[in-house]
Amino acid sequence: MDYTEKRLRSINRYEGLIINVQVDQIQLHSGNTTIREVVEHPGGVTVIPVDDEGYVYCVRQYRYPFAEHLLEVPAGKLEDCEDHRDCAARELAEETGIMAGELTYMGEIYTSPGFSKEILHLYLATDLTFGEAHLDENEFMDVVKIHIDELIKMVMAGEIKDAKSIVAILKTKEILEA
């Protein structure tokens, strides 16, 4: 069955620094109409750096919406017309000081497809070289080194709650074992 929805009209309700919000009136396949709220986001990358011993370099940072310090893998948003591979290398270096000799593309994910157009591209970073992090002026985080096996346990115990990190960790474990 085709359940494609048709946009009848769209109103831009908010233009922000990172996101825009639009409210669309749509027609369902049944003929009824309803409203969809859509968050437009430029998209971004998630990059999981793994060294030769299986250690992953994560970041711990405060996330205001949840009022918690979260353990995550490095990530960031795409700049205007930026290639996602270039963004992955840039964000990894900025947040951790790590440069990857090899970046392996692991696919893309839709972060919240019920309301957001954000797409994140996932990369596995290997053949690592270490340097100094170059955080943005209003960015604060610590780099935390944890073995991939411990990260898997943390994911399964619900200790890691960030969806992009969970997906990247699980995909990386499968790739490393293949």
N, C-alpha and C. Protein backbone atom coordinates (compact mmCIF):
# COMPACT_ATOMS: atom_id res chain seq x y z
N MET A 1 0.84 -1.18 0.00
CA MET A 1 0.00 0.00 0.00
C MET A 1 0.88 1.25 0.00
N ASP A 2 0.49 2.24 -0.72
CA ASP A 2 1.23 3.51 -0.79
C ASP A 2 0.58 4.50 0.17
N TYR A 3 1.32 4.89 1.22
CA TYR A 3 0.81 5.82 2.22
C TYR A 3 1.45 7.21 2.08
N THR A 4 1.90 7.53 0.89
CA THR A 4 2.55 8.82 0.66
C THR A 4 1.62 9.96 1.05
N GLU A 5 2.21 10.94 1.75
CA GLU A 5 1.45 12.12 2.17
C GLU A 5 1.81 13.29 1.25
N LYS A 6 0.81 14.10 0.94
CA LYS A 6 1.00 15.23 0.03
C LYS A 6 0.96 16.54 0.81
N ARG A 7 2.00 17.35 0.64
CA ARG A 7 2.02 18.66 1.30
C ARG A 7 1.09 19.62 0.56
N LEU A 8 0.17 20.22 1.31
CA LEU A 8 -0.77 21.19 0.74
C LEU A 8 -0.26 22.62 0.91
N ARG A 9 0.31 22.91 2.07
CA ARG A 9 0.93 24.22 2.30
C ARG A 9 1.92 24.10 3.43
N SER A 10 2.84 25.06 3.45
CA SER A 10 3.90 25.04 4.44
C SER A 10 4.11 26.45 4.98
N ILE A 11 4.28 26.54 6.30
CA ILE A 11 4.55 27.82 6.94
C ILE A 11 5.84 27.68 7.73
N ASN A 12 6.81 28.56 7.44
CA ASN A 12 8.05 28.56 8.20
C ASN A 12 7.79 29.27 9.52
N ARG A 13 7.88 28.56 10.63
CA ARG A 13 7.53 29.11 11.94
C ARG A 13 8.73 29.64 12.72
N TYR A 14 9.92 29.14 12.40
CA TYR A 14 11.08 29.56 13.17
C TYR A 14 12.34 29.39 12.32
N GLU A 15 13.21 30.40 12.33
CA GLU A 15 14.52 30.30 11.70
C GLU A 15 15.57 30.54 12.76
N GLY A 16 16.36 29.52 13.04
CA GLY A 16 17.37 29.61 14.09
C GLY A 16 18.78 29.54 13.56
N LEU A 17 19.74 29.47 14.47
CA LEU A 17 21.14 29.38 14.09
C LEU A 17 21.47 28.01 13.48
N ILE A 18 20.83 26.97 13.98
CA ILE A 18 21.10 25.61 13.50
C ILE A 18 19.88 25.01 12.82
N ILE A 19 18.71 25.23 13.36
CA ILE A 19 17.50 24.60 12.83
C ILE A 19 16.48 25.63 12.35
N ASN A 20 15.60 25.16 11.48
CA ASN A 20 14.40 25.89 11.09
C ASN A 20 13.23 24.95 11.39
N VAL A 21 12.09 25.52 11.71
CA VAL A 21 10.90 24.71 11.98
C VAL A 21 9.79 25.17 11.05
N GLN A 22 9.20 24.21 10.35
CA GLN A 22 8.07 24.52 9.48
C GLN A 22 6.88 23.68 9.89
N VAL A 23 5.70 24.23 9.66
CA VAL A 23 4.46 23.52 9.93
C VAL A 23 3.78 23.30 8.58
N ASP A 24 3.56 22.04 8.25
CA ASP A 24 2.96 21.68 6.96
C ASP A 24 1.55 21.13 7.15
N GLN A 25 0.65 21.58 6.31
CA GLN A 25 -0.66 20.94 6.23
C GLN A 25 -0.52 19.89 5.13
N ILE A 26 -0.88 18.66 5.46
CA ILE A 26 -0.71 17.57 4.50
C ILE A 26 -2.01 16.82 4.30
N GLN A 27 -2.07 16.14 3.17
CA GLN A 27 -3.21 15.28 2.87
C GLN A 27 -2.75 13.82 2.97
N LEU A 28 -3.47 13.06 3.76
CA LEU A 28 -3.18 11.64 3.93
C LEU A 28 -3.71 10.85 2.75
N HIS A 29 -3.28 9.60 2.61
CA HIS A 29 -3.76 8.77 1.51
C HIS A 29 -5.27 8.54 1.60
N SER A 30 -5.85 8.68 2.79
CA SER A 30 -7.30 8.50 3.00
C SER A 30 -8.10 9.71 2.53
N GLY A 31 -7.39 10.83 2.26
CA GLY A 31 -8.07 12.05 1.87
C GLY A 31 -8.18 13.05 3.02
N ASN A 32 -8.04 12.60 4.25
CA ASN A 32 -8.07 13.50 5.41
C ASN A 32 -6.84 14.39 5.40
N THR A 33 -6.94 15.54 6.08
CA THR A 33 -5.79 16.42 6.22
C THR A 33 -5.37 16.48 7.68
N THR A 34 -4.09 16.77 7.87
CA THR A 34 -3.53 16.91 9.21
C THR A 34 -2.31 17.81 9.14
N ILE A 35 -1.67 18.01 10.27
CA ILE A 35 -0.51 18.88 10.37
C ILE A 35 0.74 18.04 10.68
N ARG A 36 1.85 18.41 10.06
CA ARG A 36 3.16 17.82 10.37
C ARG A 36 4.11 18.97 10.72
N GLU A 37 4.81 18.84 11.83
CA GLU A 37 5.85 19.79 12.20
C GLU A 37 7.18 19.18 11.77
N VAL A 38 8.00 19.98 11.07
CA VAL A 38 9.24 19.47 10.52
C VAL A 38 10.40 20.36 10.95
N VAL A 39 11.41 19.75 11.55
CA VAL A 39 12.63 20.46 11.91
C VAL A 39 13.64 20.25 10.79
N GLU A 40 14.07 21.34 10.19
CA GLU A 40 15.11 21.28 9.17
C GLU A 40 16.46 21.46 9.84
N HIS A 41 17.40 20.60 9.52
CA HIS A 41 18.74 20.61 10.12
C HIS A 41 19.74 20.34 9.01
N PRO A 42 20.91 20.97 9.04
CA PRO A 42 21.87 20.77 7.94
C PRO A 42 22.48 19.38 7.88
N GLY A 43 22.28 18.57 8.92
CA GLY A 43 22.89 17.25 8.96
C GLY A 43 24.27 17.30 9.56
N GLY A 44 24.87 16.14 9.72
CA GLY A 44 26.18 16.12 10.34
C GLY A 44 26.85 14.78 10.22
N VAL A 45 27.84 14.58 11.06
CA VAL A 45 28.64 13.35 11.06
C VAL A 45 28.80 12.84 12.47
N THR A 46 29.04 11.57 12.55
CA THR A 46 29.48 10.90 13.78
C THR A 46 30.70 10.10 13.38
N VAL A 47 31.77 10.25 14.14
CA VAL A 47 33.00 9.54 13.79
C VAL A 47 33.54 8.85 15.04
N ILE A 48 33.83 7.55 14.89
CA ILE A 48 34.26 6.75 16.03
C ILE A 48 35.72 6.33 15.81
N PRO A 49 36.64 6.96 16.55
CA PRO A 49 38.06 6.64 16.40
C PRO A 49 38.45 5.43 17.23
N VAL A 50 39.05 4.43 16.58
CA VAL A 50 39.45 3.20 17.25
C VAL A 50 40.93 2.95 16.99
N ASP A 51 41.69 2.74 18.07
CA ASP A 51 43.12 2.48 17.90
C ASP A 51 43.37 0.99 17.66
N ASP A 52 44.63 0.63 17.50
CA ASP A 52 45.00 -0.75 17.15
C ASP A 52 44.69 -1.76 18.24
N GLU A 53 44.50 -1.31 19.49
CA GLU A 53 44.17 -2.21 20.60
C GLU A 53 42.68 -2.28 20.86
N GLY A 54 41.87 -1.61 20.05
CA GLY A 54 40.42 -1.64 20.23
C GLY A 54 39.88 -0.58 21.18
N TYR A 55 40.70 0.40 21.51
CA TYR A 55 40.22 1.50 22.36
C TYR A 55 39.58 2.58 21.50
N VAL A 56 38.47 3.11 22.01
CA VAL A 56 37.71 4.16 21.34
C VAL A 56 37.91 5.45 22.12
N TYR A 57 38.06 6.55 21.39
CA TYR A 57 38.23 7.86 22.00
C TYR A 57 36.90 8.60 21.91
N CYS A 58 36.21 8.63 23.05
CA CYS A 58 34.89 9.25 23.16
C CYS A 58 35.04 10.65 23.75
N VAL A 59 33.93 11.36 23.77
CA VAL A 59 33.91 12.67 24.43
C VAL A 59 32.79 12.65 25.47
N ARG A 60 33.06 13.32 26.59
CA ARG A 60 32.04 13.50 27.62
C ARG A 60 31.75 15.00 27.66
N GLN A 61 30.45 15.33 27.44
CA GLN A 61 30.08 16.73 27.44
C GLN A 61 28.69 16.92 28.04
N TYR A 62 28.48 18.12 28.51
CA TYR A 62 27.19 18.47 29.11
C TYR A 62 26.20 18.74 27.99
N ARG A 63 25.01 18.12 28.08
CA ARG A 63 23.95 18.32 27.11
C ARG A 63 22.79 19.03 27.79
N TYR A 64 22.64 20.29 27.47
CA TYR A 64 21.67 21.16 28.13
C TYR A 64 20.24 20.63 28.11
N PRO A 65 19.70 20.14 26.98
CA PRO A 65 18.31 19.70 26.99
C PRO A 65 18.00 18.61 28.02
N PHE A 66 19.01 17.81 28.36
CA PHE A 66 18.80 16.72 29.33
C PHE A 66 19.44 17.01 30.68
N ALA A 67 20.15 18.12 30.78
CA ALA A 67 20.86 18.50 32.01
C ALA A 67 21.73 17.35 32.53
N GLU A 68 22.48 16.74 31.60
CA GLU A 68 23.34 15.60 31.93
C GLU A 68 24.66 15.71 31.18
N HIS A 69 25.69 15.13 31.76
CA HIS A 69 26.95 14.92 31.04
C HIS A 69 26.82 13.57 30.34
N LEU A 70 26.94 13.55 29.02
CA LEU A 70 26.78 12.32 28.25
C LEU A 70 28.10 11.87 27.65
N LEU A 71 28.29 10.56 27.61
CA LEU A 71 29.42 9.96 26.92
C LEU A 71 28.97 9.71 25.49
N GLU A 72 29.71 10.26 24.54
CA GLU A 72 29.35 10.17 23.13
C GLU A 72 30.60 9.92 22.30
N VAL A 73 30.41 9.54 21.05
CA VAL A 73 31.52 9.55 20.11
C VAL A 73 31.54 10.92 19.46
N PRO A 74 32.71 11.38 18.98
CA PRO A 74 32.79 12.70 18.37
C PRO A 74 31.79 12.87 17.23
N ALA A 75 31.26 14.08 17.13
CA ALA A 75 30.25 14.37 16.10
C ALA A 75 30.16 15.87 15.89
N GLY A 76 29.54 16.25 14.81
CA GLY A 76 29.33 17.67 14.56
C GLY A 76 28.49 17.89 13.33
N LYS A 77 28.07 19.13 13.15
CA LYS A 77 27.19 19.44 12.03
C LYS A 77 27.96 19.85 10.80
N LEU A 78 27.36 19.58 9.67
CA LEU A 78 27.92 19.98 8.39
C LEU A 78 27.86 21.50 8.24
N GLU A 79 28.94 22.07 7.73
CA GLU A 79 28.95 23.49 7.39
C GLU A 79 28.41 23.62 5.97
N ASP A 80 28.17 24.84 5.52
CA ASP A 80 27.59 25.09 4.19
C ASP A 80 28.30 24.30 3.10
N CYS A 81 27.56 23.43 2.42
CA CYS A 81 28.04 22.65 1.26
C CYS A 81 29.28 21.81 1.56
N GLU A 82 29.52 21.48 2.81
CA GLU A 82 30.69 20.70 3.19
C GLU A 82 30.47 19.22 2.89
N ASP A 83 31.48 18.56 2.36
CA ASP A 83 31.45 17.12 2.14
C ASP A 83 31.48 16.41 3.49
N HIS A 84 30.64 15.38 3.66
CA HIS A 84 30.57 14.74 4.98
C HIS A 84 31.86 14.05 5.39
N ARG A 85 32.64 13.56 4.47
CA ARG A 85 33.95 12.97 4.82
C ARG A 85 34.88 14.06 5.37
N ASP A 86 34.91 15.21 4.71
CA ASP A 86 35.72 16.32 5.20
C ASP A 86 35.25 16.77 6.58
N CYS A 87 33.95 16.80 6.79
CA CYS A 87 33.39 17.18 8.08
C CYS A 87 33.81 16.19 9.16
N ALA A 88 33.81 14.90 8.84
CA ALA A 88 34.22 13.88 9.82
C ALA A 88 35.67 14.11 10.25
N ALA A 89 36.56 14.35 9.29
CA ALA A 89 37.97 14.59 9.61
C ALA A 89 38.11 15.86 10.45
N ARG A 90 37.40 16.91 10.07
CA ARG A 90 37.47 18.18 10.79
C ARG A 90 36.97 18.05 12.22
N GLU A 91 35.80 17.45 12.40
CA GLU A 91 35.22 17.32 13.74
C GLU A 91 36.09 16.44 14.64
N LEU A 92 36.62 15.36 14.09
CA LEU A 92 37.49 14.48 14.88
C LEU A 92 38.71 15.24 15.38
N ALA A 93 39.34 16.00 14.50
CA ALA A 93 40.52 16.77 14.89
C ALA A 93 40.16 17.87 15.88
N GLU A 94 39.07 18.58 15.64
CA GLU A 94 38.68 19.66 16.54
C GLU A 94 38.38 19.17 17.95
N GLU A 95 37.58 18.09 18.04
CA GLU A 95 37.11 17.63 19.35
C GLU A 95 38.13 16.79 20.12
N THR A 96 38.99 16.07 19.41
CA THR A 96 39.89 15.14 20.10
C THR A 96 41.37 15.37 19.80
N GLY A 97 41.68 16.10 18.74
CA GLY A 97 43.06 16.24 18.31
C GLY A 97 43.56 15.06 17.50
N ILE A 98 42.66 14.14 17.18
CA ILE A 98 43.03 12.92 16.45
C ILE A 98 42.84 13.13 14.96
N MET A 99 43.82 12.62 14.19
CA MET A 99 43.69 12.57 12.73
C MET A 99 43.68 11.09 12.33
N ALA A 100 42.83 10.78 11.38
CA ALA A 100 42.68 9.39 10.94
C ALA A 100 43.40 9.16 9.62
N GLY A 101 44.22 8.11 9.59
CA GLY A 101 44.84 7.70 8.33
C GLY A 101 43.81 7.09 7.41
N GLU A 102 42.76 6.52 8.01
CA GLU A 102 41.69 5.91 7.22
C GLU A 102 40.34 6.24 7.84
N LEU A 103 39.43 6.69 7.00
CA LEU A 103 38.04 6.92 7.39
C LEU A 103 37.17 5.98 6.57
N THR A 104 36.45 5.10 7.25
CA THR A 104 35.57 4.14 6.58
C THR A 104 34.13 4.56 6.76
N TYR A 105 33.43 4.75 5.66
CA TYR A 105 32.03 5.17 5.72
C TYR A 105 31.16 4.00 6.16
N MET A 106 30.32 4.23 7.19
CA MET A 106 29.45 3.18 7.73
C MET A 106 27.97 3.45 7.44
N GLY A 107 27.67 4.43 6.60
CA GLY A 107 26.29 4.69 6.23
C GLY A 107 25.72 5.92 6.90
N GLU A 108 24.43 6.10 6.72
CA GLU A 108 23.74 7.26 7.28
C GLU A 108 22.56 6.81 8.12
N ILE A 109 22.18 7.68 9.06
CA ILE A 109 21.01 7.41 9.89
C ILE A 109 20.12 8.64 9.92
N TYR A 110 18.83 8.41 10.05
CA TYR A 110 17.86 9.48 10.28
C TYR A 110 17.66 9.53 11.80
N THR A 111 17.98 10.66 12.41
CA THR A 111 18.01 10.72 13.86
C THR A 111 16.63 10.66 14.51
N SER A 112 15.67 11.34 13.95
CA SER A 112 14.29 11.37 14.49
C SER A 112 13.32 11.57 13.33
N PRO A 113 13.07 10.54 12.53
CA PRO A 113 12.32 10.71 11.28
C PRO A 113 10.86 11.12 11.45
N GLY A 114 10.34 11.11 12.67
CA GLY A 114 8.97 11.54 12.89
C GLY A 114 8.79 13.05 12.78
N PHE A 115 9.89 13.80 12.97
CA PHE A 115 9.76 15.26 12.91
C PHE A 115 11.00 15.98 12.39
N SER A 116 12.12 15.30 12.22
CA SER A 116 13.36 15.97 11.85
C SER A 116 13.91 15.46 10.52
N LYS A 117 14.49 16.37 9.75
CA LYS A 117 15.13 16.02 8.49
C LYS A 117 16.63 15.81 8.65
N GLU A 118 17.10 15.73 9.90
CA GLU A 118 18.54 15.57 10.15
C GLU A 118 19.01 14.19 9.69
N ILE A 119 20.11 14.20 8.94
CA ILE A 119 20.79 12.97 8.52
C ILE A 119 22.20 13.03 9.07
N LEU A 120 22.63 11.96 9.74
CA LEU A 120 24.00 11.85 10.23
C LEU A 120 24.73 10.78 9.44
N HIS A 121 25.94 11.10 9.02
CA HIS A 121 26.80 10.16 8.31
C HIS A 121 27.79 9.59 9.31
N LEU A 122 27.92 8.26 9.34
CA LEU A 122 28.76 7.60 10.32
C LEU A 122 30.08 7.14 9.69
N TYR A 123 31.17 7.41 10.41
CA TYR A 123 32.50 7.01 9.97
C TYR A 123 33.25 6.28 11.07
N LEU A 124 34.03 5.30 10.66
CA LEU A 124 34.98 4.61 11.53
C LEU A 124 36.35 5.18 11.20
N ALA A 125 37.04 5.69 12.20
CA ALA A 125 38.38 6.27 12.01
C ALA A 125 39.42 5.31 12.58
N THR A 126 40.41 4.96 11.76
CA THR A 126 41.49 4.07 12.18
C THR A 126 42.83 4.66 11.72
N ASP A 127 43.92 3.99 12.06
CA ASP A 127 45.27 4.46 11.75
C ASP A 127 45.42 5.88 12.31
N LEU A 128 45.29 5.97 13.63
CA LEU A 128 45.17 7.26 14.31
C LEU A 128 46.51 7.92 14.62
N THR A 129 46.52 9.24 14.49
CA THR A 129 47.63 10.09 14.89
C THR A 129 47.08 11.10 15.89
N PHE A 130 47.81 11.33 16.98
CA PHE A 130 47.30 12.15 18.07
C PHE A 130 47.95 13.53 18.10
N GLY A 131 47.13 14.53 18.36
CA GLY A 131 47.60 15.91 18.46
C GLY A 131 46.75 16.67 19.47
N GLU A 132 46.66 17.98 19.30
CA GLU A 132 45.91 18.85 20.20
C GLU A 132 44.50 19.09 19.67
N ALA A 133 43.53 19.02 20.58
CA ALA A 133 42.15 19.36 20.22
C ALA A 133 42.04 20.87 20.03
N HIS A 134 41.09 21.29 19.19
CA HIS A 134 40.85 22.71 18.92
C HIS A 134 39.35 22.97 19.02
N LEU A 135 38.85 23.00 20.26
CA LEU A 135 37.42 23.16 20.49
C LEU A 135 36.96 24.56 20.10
N ASP A 136 35.69 24.65 19.68
CA ASP A 136 35.09 25.95 19.43
C ASP A 136 35.05 26.73 20.75
N GLU A 137 34.89 28.04 20.66
CA GLU A 137 34.93 28.92 21.82
C GLU A 137 33.95 28.51 22.93
N ASN A 138 32.76 28.09 22.55
CA ASN A 138 31.72 27.73 23.53
C ASN A 138 31.51 26.22 23.64
N GLU A 139 32.56 25.47 23.37
CA GLU A 139 32.48 24.01 23.40
C GLU A 139 33.41 23.50 24.51
N PHE A 140 32.88 22.63 25.37
CA PHE A 140 33.65 22.11 26.49
C PHE A 140 33.42 20.60 26.58
N MET A 141 34.49 19.83 26.55
CA MET A 141 34.35 18.37 26.64
C MET A 141 35.68 17.75 27.03
N ASP A 142 35.59 16.54 27.55
CA ASP A 142 36.77 15.76 27.88
C ASP A 142 36.83 14.56 26.95
N VAL A 143 38.03 14.17 26.57
CA VAL A 143 38.24 12.96 25.78
C VAL A 143 38.41 11.80 26.75
N VAL A 144 37.69 10.72 26.49
CA VAL A 144 37.70 9.54 27.35
C VAL A 144 38.03 8.31 26.50
N LYS A 145 39.05 7.56 26.91
CA LYS A 145 39.50 6.37 26.19
C LYS A 145 38.87 5.13 26.83
N ILE A 146 38.07 4.39 26.06
CA ILE A 146 37.37 3.21 26.58
C ILE A 146 37.43 2.10 25.53
N HIS A 147 37.67 0.88 25.97
CA HIS A 147 37.73 -0.25 25.03
C HIS A 147 36.36 -0.51 24.42
N ILE A 148 36.34 -0.92 23.18
CA ILE A 148 35.07 -1.18 22.47
C ILE A 148 34.21 -2.21 23.20
N ASP A 149 34.82 -3.21 23.82
CA ASP A 149 34.05 -4.22 24.55
C ASP A 149 33.34 -3.61 25.75
N GLU A 150 34.00 -2.68 26.42
CA GLU A 150 33.38 -1.99 27.56
C GLU A 150 32.25 -1.09 27.07
N LEU A 151 32.45 -0.44 25.92
CA LEU A 151 31.38 0.41 25.37
C LEU A 151 30.14 -0.43 25.02
N ILE A 152 30.34 -1.60 24.50
CA ILE A 152 29.21 -2.49 24.19
C ILE A 152 28.44 -2.81 25.48
N LYS A 153 29.16 -3.13 26.54
CA LYS A 153 28.51 -3.39 27.83
C LYS A 153 27.74 -2.17 28.32
N MET A 154 28.31 -1.00 28.15
CA MET A 154 27.65 0.24 28.58
C MET A 154 26.39 0.52 27.76
N VAL A 155 26.46 0.24 26.45
CA VAL A 155 25.26 0.38 25.60
C VAL A 155 24.17 -0.55 26.09
N MET A 156 24.51 -1.81 26.30
CA MET A 156 23.51 -2.82 26.68
C MET A 156 22.95 -2.56 28.09
N ALA A 157 23.73 -1.91 28.94
CA ALA A 157 23.27 -1.59 30.30
C ALA A 157 22.49 -0.27 30.35
N GLY A 158 22.38 0.40 29.22
CA GLY A 158 21.66 1.67 29.18
C GLY A 158 22.46 2.84 29.71
N GLU A 159 23.76 2.67 29.85
CA GLU A 159 24.60 3.74 30.37
C GLU A 159 24.96 4.77 29.29
N ILE A 160 24.90 4.36 28.04
CA ILE A 160 25.09 5.28 26.92
C ILE A 160 23.71 5.47 26.30
N LYS A 161 23.24 6.71 26.29
CA LYS A 161 21.87 7.00 25.86
C LYS A 161 21.80 7.72 24.53
N ASP A 162 22.92 8.20 24.05
CA ASP A 162 22.97 8.96 22.81
C ASP A 162 22.84 8.02 21.61
N ALA A 163 21.80 8.21 20.82
CA ALA A 163 21.47 7.29 19.74
C ALA A 163 22.58 7.18 18.70
N LYS A 164 23.16 8.30 18.29
CA LYS A 164 24.20 8.25 17.26
C LYS A 164 25.40 7.44 17.75
N SER A 165 25.72 7.60 19.02
CA SER A 165 26.85 6.85 19.58
C SER A 165 26.54 5.36 19.67
N ILE A 166 25.32 5.03 20.07
CA ILE A 166 24.92 3.63 20.15
C ILE A 166 25.04 2.96 18.79
N VAL A 167 24.51 3.60 17.76
CA VAL A 167 24.57 3.03 16.41
C VAL A 167 26.03 2.88 15.96
N ALA A 168 26.83 3.92 16.17
CA ALA A 168 28.23 3.87 15.74
C ALA A 168 29.00 2.78 16.48
N ILE A 169 28.78 2.64 17.78
CA ILE A 169 29.47 1.62 18.57
C ILE A 169 29.09 0.22 18.09
N LEU A 170 27.80 -0.02 17.90
CA LEU A 170 27.36 -1.36 17.48
C LEU A 170 27.85 -1.70 16.08
N LYS A 171 27.78 -0.74 15.16
CA LYS A 171 28.28 -0.98 13.80
C LYS A 171 29.78 -1.24 13.82
N THR A 172 30.50 -0.46 14.62
CA THR A 172 31.95 -0.62 14.69
C THR A 172 32.32 -2.00 15.22
N LYS A 173 31.64 -2.46 16.24
CA LYS A 173 31.92 -3.78 16.80
C LYS A 173 31.75 -4.86 15.73
N GLU A 174 30.69 -4.76 14.97
CA GLU A 174 30.45 -5.74 13.89
C GLU A 174 31.55 -5.69 12.83
N ILE A 175 31.95 -4.48 12.45
CA ILE A 175 32.99 -4.33 11.44
C ILE A 175 34.32 -4.88 11.95
N LEU A 176 34.67 -4.61 13.19
CA LEU A 176 35.93 -5.09 13.75
C LEU A 176 35.96 -6.61 13.87
N GLU A 177 34.81 -7.21 14.09
CA GLU A 177 34.75 -8.67 14.23
C GLU A 177 34.67 -9.38 12.89
N ALA A 178 34.34 -8.67 11.84
CA ALA A 178 34.18 -9.29 10.50
C ALA A 178 35.53 -9.61 9.88
